Amino acid sequence: MWCKVEQILIEKDISQYELAKRMGVSTGTITELKKGRIKKPSFELIKKIADALEVSMDRFR
């Protein structure tokens, strides 16, 4: 999942810090996702990411 998020971050020139800020979560949450420690992100987390990046949740399938 992180590969897809990272690709969108690069496309939109958004930092991980900015993503966390937009999502209303800590940078630690982003780090956990990046390192694969969140194996199966919840629907709510995926929705927050999609909303923060202004993309459809379909991008993460």
Protein backbone atom coordinates (compact mmCIF):
# COMPACT_ATOMS: atom_id res chain seq x y z
CA MET A 1 0.00 0.00 0.00
CA TRP A 2 2.79 2.42 0.88
CA CYS A 3 4.20 2.24 -2.67
CA LYS A 4 0.92 3.61 -4.02
CA VAL A 5 0.77 6.36 -1.39
CA GLU A 6 4.39 7.31 -2.04
CA GLN A 7 3.76 7.50 -5.79
CA ILE A 8 0.88 9.94 -5.23
CA LEU A 9 2.96 11.98 -2.77
CA ILE A 10 5.63 12.36 -5.45
CA GLU A 11 3.06 13.18 -8.17
CA LYS A 12 1.49 15.87 -6.00
CA ASP A 13 4.73 17.06 -4.38
CA ILE A 14 3.40 16.45 -0.86
CA SER A 15 5.67 15.56 2.05
CA GLN A 16 4.93 12.83 4.58
CA TYR A 17 4.64 15.56 7.22
CA GLU A 18 2.04 17.38 5.12
CA LEU A 19 0.13 14.14 4.57
CA ALA A 20 0.01 13.52 8.33
CA LYS A 21 -1.14 17.09 8.93
CA ARG A 22 -3.89 16.82 6.31
CA MET A 23 -5.04 13.49 7.77
CA GLY A 24 -5.02 14.73 11.35
CA VAL A 25 -2.67 11.96 12.48
CA SER A 26 0.84 11.88 13.88
CA THR A 27 3.89 11.49 11.68
CA GLY A 28 4.41 8.27 13.63
CA THR A 29 1.30 6.83 11.99
CA ILE A 30 2.76 7.63 8.57
CA THR A 31 6.07 6.03 9.59
CA GLU A 32 4.26 2.88 10.77
CA LEU A 33 2.47 2.66 7.43
CA LYS A 34 5.69 3.29 5.49
CA LYS A 35 7.61 0.60 7.39
CA GLY A 36 4.84 -1.94 6.83
CA ARG A 37 3.94 -2.21 10.49
CA ILE A 38 0.30 -1.55 9.63
CA LYS A 39 -0.35 -4.75 7.68
CA LYS A 40 -4.02 -4.21 6.90
CA PRO A 41 -4.95 -0.52 7.12
CA SER A 42 -8.52 0.07 8.23
CA PHE A 43 -11.13 1.45 5.86
CA GLU A 44 -11.08 4.66 7.91
CA LEU A 45 -7.31 5.07 7.52
CA ILE A 46 -7.45 4.44 3.77
CA LYS A 47 -10.30 6.97 3.47
CA LYS A 48 -8.29 9.57 5.41
CA ILE A 49 -5.32 9.03 3.09
CA ALA A 50 -7.48 9.27 -0.04
CA ASP A 51 -9.21 12.41 1.22
CA ALA A 52 -5.91 14.03 2.23
CA LEU A 53 -4.41 13.29 -1.19
CA GLU A 54 -7.63 14.22 -3.01
CA VAL A 55 -7.79 10.89 -4.86
CA SER A 56 -10.31 8.08 -5.14
CA MET A 57 -9.96 5.16 -2.77
CA ASP A 58 -9.78 3.02 -5.93
CA ARG A 59 -6.15 4.14 -6.33
CA PHE A 60 -5.27 1.88 -3.39
CA ARG A 61 -6.72 -1.38 -4.74
